[in-house]
Amino acid sequence: MPENEDRLSRMEEKIDKLSDAVVSIARAEEKLIQLGTLTDVLFKKIDDMNSRMVELEKTTAETKAFMSGFNKITWVFVSGLLTAIAGIIAYNLWG
């Protein structure tokens, strides 16, 4: 009888260890699922940020082109204005 009890006790210990192992595997699986979900969310956010960055680069290029043209027109206007003022002054002085 004591042999059977010892054997039964060892079997119970092994079953307990197996049960603990199954619980650990289940926890690991849950963590992997959570990490997979988190990875999907992060990839979506990165994709969204990439799209926004491309749009921002396009807008910046358009603004740069506009400002370049505006800058040139402004300098032409200022140069013409200064030339006209210099001409008026010269005409009044030597005129």
N, C-alpha and C. Protein backbone atom coordinates (compact mmCIF):
# COMPACT_ATOMS: atom_id res chain seq x y z
N MET A 1 0.80 -1.20 0.00
CA MET A 1 0.00 0.00 0.00
C MET A 1 0.85 1.27 0.00
N PRO A 2 1.90 1.34 0.84
CA PRO A 2 2.73 2.53 0.83
C PRO A 2 3.37 2.77 -0.53
N GLU A 3 3.68 1.69 -1.26
CA GLU A 3 4.26 1.85 -2.59
C GLU A 3 3.28 2.56 -3.52
N ASN A 4 2.02 2.16 -3.43
CA ASN A 4 1.00 2.78 -4.28
C ASN A 4 0.80 4.25 -3.92
N GLU A 5 0.85 4.53 -2.64
CA GLU A 5 0.69 5.93 -2.21
C GLU A 5 1.87 6.77 -2.69
N ASP A 6 3.08 6.22 -2.59
CA ASP A 6 4.26 6.95 -3.08
C ASP A 6 4.15 7.18 -4.59
N ARG A 7 3.75 6.14 -5.27
CA ARG A 7 3.60 6.24 -6.72
C ARG A 7 2.53 7.27 -7.08
N LEU A 8 1.40 7.21 -6.36
CA LEU A 8 0.32 8.16 -6.59
C LEU A 8 0.78 9.58 -6.29
N SER A 9 1.56 9.75 -5.25
CA SER A 9 2.08 11.06 -4.87
C SER A 9 3.01 11.60 -5.96
N ARG A 10 3.87 10.76 -6.51
CA ARG A 10 4.77 11.18 -7.59
C ARG A 10 3.98 11.56 -8.83
N MET A 11 2.94 10.80 -9.11
CA MET A 11 2.10 11.09 -10.28
C MET A 11 1.39 12.43 -10.10
N GLU A 12 0.92 12.69 -8.88
CA GLU A 12 0.26 13.96 -8.61
C GLU A 12 1.24 15.13 -8.77
N GLU A 13 2.47 14.95 -8.32
CA GLU A 13 3.49 15.99 -8.48
C GLU A 13 3.76 16.26 -9.95
N LYS A 14 3.86 15.18 -10.72
CA LYS A 14 4.11 15.34 -12.15
C LYS A 14 2.93 16.02 -12.84
N ILE A 15 1.72 15.66 -12.44
CA ILE A 15 0.53 16.29 -13.01
C ILE A 15 0.50 17.77 -12.64
N ASP A 16 0.87 18.10 -11.40
CA ASP A 16 0.93 19.50 -10.98
C ASP A 16 1.96 20.28 -11.80
N LYS A 17 3.12 19.65 -12.04
CA LYS A 17 4.15 20.30 -12.84
C LYS A 17 3.67 20.51 -14.28
N LEU A 18 2.98 19.50 -14.83
CA LEU A 18 2.43 19.63 -16.17
C LEU A 18 1.38 20.74 -16.22
N SER A 19 0.56 20.80 -15.18
CA SER A 19 -0.46 21.84 -15.11
C SER A 19 0.18 23.22 -15.07
N ASP A 20 1.24 23.36 -14.27
CA ASP A 20 1.96 24.64 -14.21
C ASP A 20 2.57 24.98 -15.57
N ALA A 21 3.10 23.97 -16.25
CA ALA A 21 3.69 24.19 -17.57
C ALA A 21 2.62 24.65 -18.56
N VAL A 22 1.43 24.04 -18.52
CA VAL A 22 0.35 24.43 -19.42
C VAL A 22 -0.07 25.87 -19.14
N VAL A 23 -0.16 26.23 -17.88
CA VAL A 23 -0.52 27.61 -17.51
C VAL A 23 0.55 28.58 -18.02
N SER A 24 1.81 28.22 -17.87
CA SER A 24 2.90 29.08 -18.36
C SER A 24 2.83 29.24 -19.87
N ILE A 25 2.55 28.16 -20.57
CA ILE A 25 2.43 28.22 -22.03
C ILE A 25 1.26 29.11 -22.42
N ALA A 26 0.15 29.00 -21.70
CA ALA A 26 -1.02 29.83 -22.00
C ALA A 26 -0.69 31.31 -21.79
N ARG A 27 0.03 31.62 -20.71
CA ARG A 27 0.42 33.01 -20.46
C ARG A 27 1.34 33.53 -21.56
N ALA A 28 2.28 32.69 -21.95
CA ALA A 28 3.20 33.09 -23.03
C ALA A 28 2.43 33.33 -24.32
N GLU A 29 1.45 32.49 -24.60
CA GLU A 29 0.64 32.66 -25.81
C GLU A 29 -0.14 33.97 -25.75
N GLU A 30 -0.70 34.30 -24.59
CA GLU A 30 -1.43 35.56 -24.44
C GLU A 30 -0.49 36.75 -24.68
N LYS A 31 0.73 36.66 -24.14
CA LYS A 31 1.69 37.75 -24.35
C LYS A 31 2.04 37.88 -25.82
N LEU A 32 2.21 36.76 -26.51
CA LEU A 32 2.51 36.80 -27.94
C LEU A 32 1.37 37.43 -28.73
N ILE A 33 0.14 37.11 -28.36
CA ILE A 33 -1.02 37.70 -29.03
C ILE A 33 -1.04 39.21 -28.80
N GLN A 34 -0.79 39.62 -27.55
CA GLN A 34 -0.76 41.05 -27.25
C GLN A 34 0.35 41.76 -28.02
N LEU A 35 1.52 41.12 -28.10
CA LEU A 35 2.62 41.71 -28.86
C LEU A 35 2.29 41.80 -30.34
N GLY A 36 1.61 40.80 -30.87
CA GLY A 36 1.19 40.84 -32.27
C GLY A 36 0.22 41.98 -32.52
N THR A 37 -0.73 42.16 -31.62
CA THR A 37 -1.69 43.26 -31.75
C THR A 37 -0.98 44.61 -31.65
N LEU A 38 -0.09 44.72 -30.69
CA LEU A 38 0.67 45.96 -30.53
C LEU A 38 1.51 46.25 -31.76
N THR A 39 2.11 45.22 -32.31
CA THR A 39 2.92 45.39 -33.53
C THR A 39 2.06 45.89 -34.68
N ASP A 40 0.87 45.34 -34.83
CA ASP A 40 -0.05 45.79 -35.89
C ASP A 40 -0.40 47.26 -35.71
N VAL A 41 -0.71 47.65 -34.47
CA VAL A 41 -1.06 49.04 -34.19
C VAL A 41 0.12 49.96 -34.51
N LEU A 42 1.32 49.54 -34.11
CA LEU A 42 2.50 50.37 -34.37
C LEU A 42 2.78 50.50 -35.86
N PHE A 43 2.61 49.41 -36.61
CA PHE A 43 2.80 49.49 -38.06
C PHE A 43 1.79 50.43 -38.70
N LYS A 44 0.55 50.41 -38.22
CA LYS A 44 -0.46 51.33 -38.76
C LYS A 44 -0.09 52.78 -38.46
N LYS A 45 0.40 53.02 -37.24
CA LYS A 45 0.80 54.38 -36.88
C LYS A 45 2.00 54.83 -37.71
N ILE A 46 2.95 53.94 -37.93
CA ILE A 46 4.12 54.29 -38.74
C ILE A 46 3.69 54.58 -40.17
N ASP A 47 2.78 53.77 -40.70
CA ASP A 47 2.29 54.00 -42.06
C ASP A 47 1.57 55.34 -42.16
N ASP A 48 0.76 55.66 -41.15
CA ASP A 48 0.05 56.95 -41.12
C ASP A 48 1.05 58.11 -41.05
N MET A 49 2.06 57.97 -40.21
CA MET A 49 3.07 59.02 -40.08
C MET A 49 3.85 59.17 -41.39
N ASN A 50 4.12 58.07 -42.05
CA ASN A 50 4.83 58.12 -43.33
C ASN A 50 3.99 58.87 -44.37
N SER A 51 2.69 58.58 -44.40
CA SER A 51 1.80 59.27 -45.34
C SER A 51 1.76 60.77 -45.04
N ARG A 52 1.68 61.10 -43.77
CA ARG A 52 1.66 62.51 -43.38
C ARG A 52 2.97 63.20 -43.74
N MET A 53 4.08 62.50 -43.57
CA MET A 53 5.38 63.07 -43.90
C MET A 53 5.51 63.31 -45.40
N VAL A 54 5.02 62.39 -46.22
CA VAL A 54 5.06 62.56 -47.67
C VAL A 54 4.22 63.78 -48.06
N GLU A 55 3.04 63.90 -47.47
CA GLU A 55 2.17 65.05 -47.75
C GLU A 55 2.85 66.36 -47.32
N LEU A 56 3.50 66.33 -46.18
CA LEU A 56 4.21 67.51 -45.69
C LEU A 56 5.37 67.88 -46.61
N GLU A 57 6.07 66.88 -47.12
CA GLU A 57 7.17 67.15 -48.06
C GLU A 57 6.64 67.79 -49.34
N LYS A 58 5.50 67.32 -49.83
CA LYS A 58 4.90 67.92 -51.03
C LYS A 58 4.51 69.37 -50.76
N THR A 59 3.86 69.61 -49.63
CA THR A 59 3.44 70.96 -49.28
C THR A 59 4.64 71.88 -49.13
N THR A 60 5.69 71.38 -48.50
CA THR A 60 6.90 72.17 -48.31
C THR A 60 7.54 72.52 -49.65
N ALA A 61 7.58 71.57 -50.56
CA ALA A 61 8.14 71.84 -51.89
C ALA A 61 7.32 72.89 -52.63
N GLU A 62 5.99 72.81 -52.53
CA GLU A 62 5.13 73.80 -53.18
C GLU A 62 5.34 75.18 -52.56
N THR A 63 5.43 75.24 -51.25
CA THR A 63 5.64 76.51 -50.56
C THR A 63 7.00 77.10 -50.92
N LYS A 64 8.01 76.24 -51.00
CA LYS A 64 9.35 76.70 -51.37
C LYS A 64 9.35 77.29 -52.77
N ALA A 65 8.67 76.64 -53.70
CA ALA A 65 8.60 77.15 -55.08
C ALA A 65 7.88 78.49 -55.11
N PHE A 66 6.77 78.59 -54.38
CA PHE A 66 6.02 79.85 -54.34
C PHE A 66 6.86 80.97 -53.74
N MET A 67 7.52 80.68 -52.63
CA MET A 67 8.32 81.70 -51.96
C MET A 67 9.51 82.12 -52.81
N SER A 68 10.08 81.20 -53.56
CA SER A 68 11.18 81.54 -54.45
C SER A 68 10.72 82.53 -55.52
N GLY A 69 9.58 82.26 -56.13
CA GLY A 69 9.03 83.18 -57.12
C GLY A 69 8.65 84.51 -56.51
N PHE A 70 8.04 84.47 -55.34
CA PHE A 70 7.64 85.70 -54.65
C PHE A 70 8.87 86.53 -54.30
N ASN A 71 9.93 85.86 -53.87
CA ASN A 71 11.17 86.55 -53.52
C ASN A 71 11.76 87.25 -54.75
N LYS A 72 11.75 86.58 -55.88
CA LYS A 72 12.30 87.18 -57.10
C LYS A 72 11.47 88.39 -57.53
N ILE A 73 10.16 88.24 -57.49
CA ILE A 73 9.28 89.36 -57.86
C ILE A 73 9.49 90.54 -56.91
N THR A 74 9.64 90.26 -55.63
CA THR A 74 9.86 91.32 -54.65
C THR A 74 11.15 92.06 -54.94
N TRP A 75 12.22 91.34 -55.24
CA TRP A 75 13.50 91.99 -55.53
C TRP A 75 13.43 92.81 -56.82
N VAL A 76 12.72 92.31 -57.81
CA VAL A 76 12.55 93.09 -59.05
C VAL A 76 11.80 94.38 -58.75
N PHE A 77 10.74 94.29 -57.96
CA PHE A 77 9.95 95.47 -57.59
C PHE A 77 10.79 96.46 -56.79
N VAL A 78 11.52 95.95 -55.78
CA VAL A 78 12.34 96.83 -54.95
C VAL A 78 13.44 97.48 -55.79
N SER A 79 14.06 96.71 -56.67
CA SER A 79 15.11 97.27 -57.54
C SER A 79 14.54 98.35 -58.45
N GLY A 80 13.39 98.09 -59.02
CA GLY A 80 12.74 99.09 -59.88
C GLY A 80 12.38 100.34 -59.10
N LEU A 81 11.86 100.15 -57.90
CA LEU A 81 11.50 101.29 -57.06
C LEU A 81 12.72 102.11 -56.70
N LEU A 82 13.80 101.45 -56.31
CA LEU A 82 15.03 102.17 -55.97
C LEU A 82 15.61 102.89 -57.19
N THR A 83 15.53 102.25 -58.35
CA THR A 83 16.00 102.88 -59.58
C THR A 83 15.16 104.12 -59.89
N ALA A 84 13.85 104.01 -59.72
CA ALA A 84 12.97 105.16 -59.97
C ALA A 84 13.27 106.29 -59.00
N ILE A 85 13.46 105.96 -57.74
CA ILE A 85 13.77 106.99 -56.74
C ILE A 85 15.11 107.65 -57.07
N ALA A 86 16.09 106.83 -57.43
CA ALA A 86 17.41 107.39 -57.80
C ALA A 86 17.28 108.27 -59.04
N GLY A 87 16.46 107.87 -59.99
CA GLY A 87 16.24 108.67 -61.20
C GLY A 87 15.58 109.99 -60.87
N ILE A 88 14.60 109.98 -60.00
CA ILE A 88 13.91 111.22 -59.61
C ILE A 88 14.88 112.15 -58.90
N ILE A 89 15.68 111.60 -58.00
CA ILE A 89 16.65 112.42 -57.27
C ILE A 89 17.67 113.01 -58.24
N ALA A 90 18.15 112.18 -59.15
CA ALA A 90 19.14 112.66 -60.13
C ALA A 90 18.53 113.73 -61.03
N TYR A 91 17.32 113.56 -61.44
CA TYR A 91 16.64 114.54 -62.30
C TYR A 91 16.47 115.87 -61.58
N ASN A 92 16.07 115.77 -60.29
CA ASN A 92 15.88 117.00 -59.51
C ASN A 92 17.20 117.71 -59.22
N LEU A 93 18.27 116.94 -59.03
CA LEU A 93 19.56 117.56 -58.72
C LEU A 93 20.24 118.11 -59.96
N TRP A 94 20.21 117.37 -61.08
CA TRP A 94 20.99 117.77 -62.26
C TRP A 94 20.10 118.14 -63.44
N GLY A 95 18.86 118.05 -63.27
CA GLY A 95 17.97 118.21 -64.19
C GLY A 95 17.35 118.80 -65.23
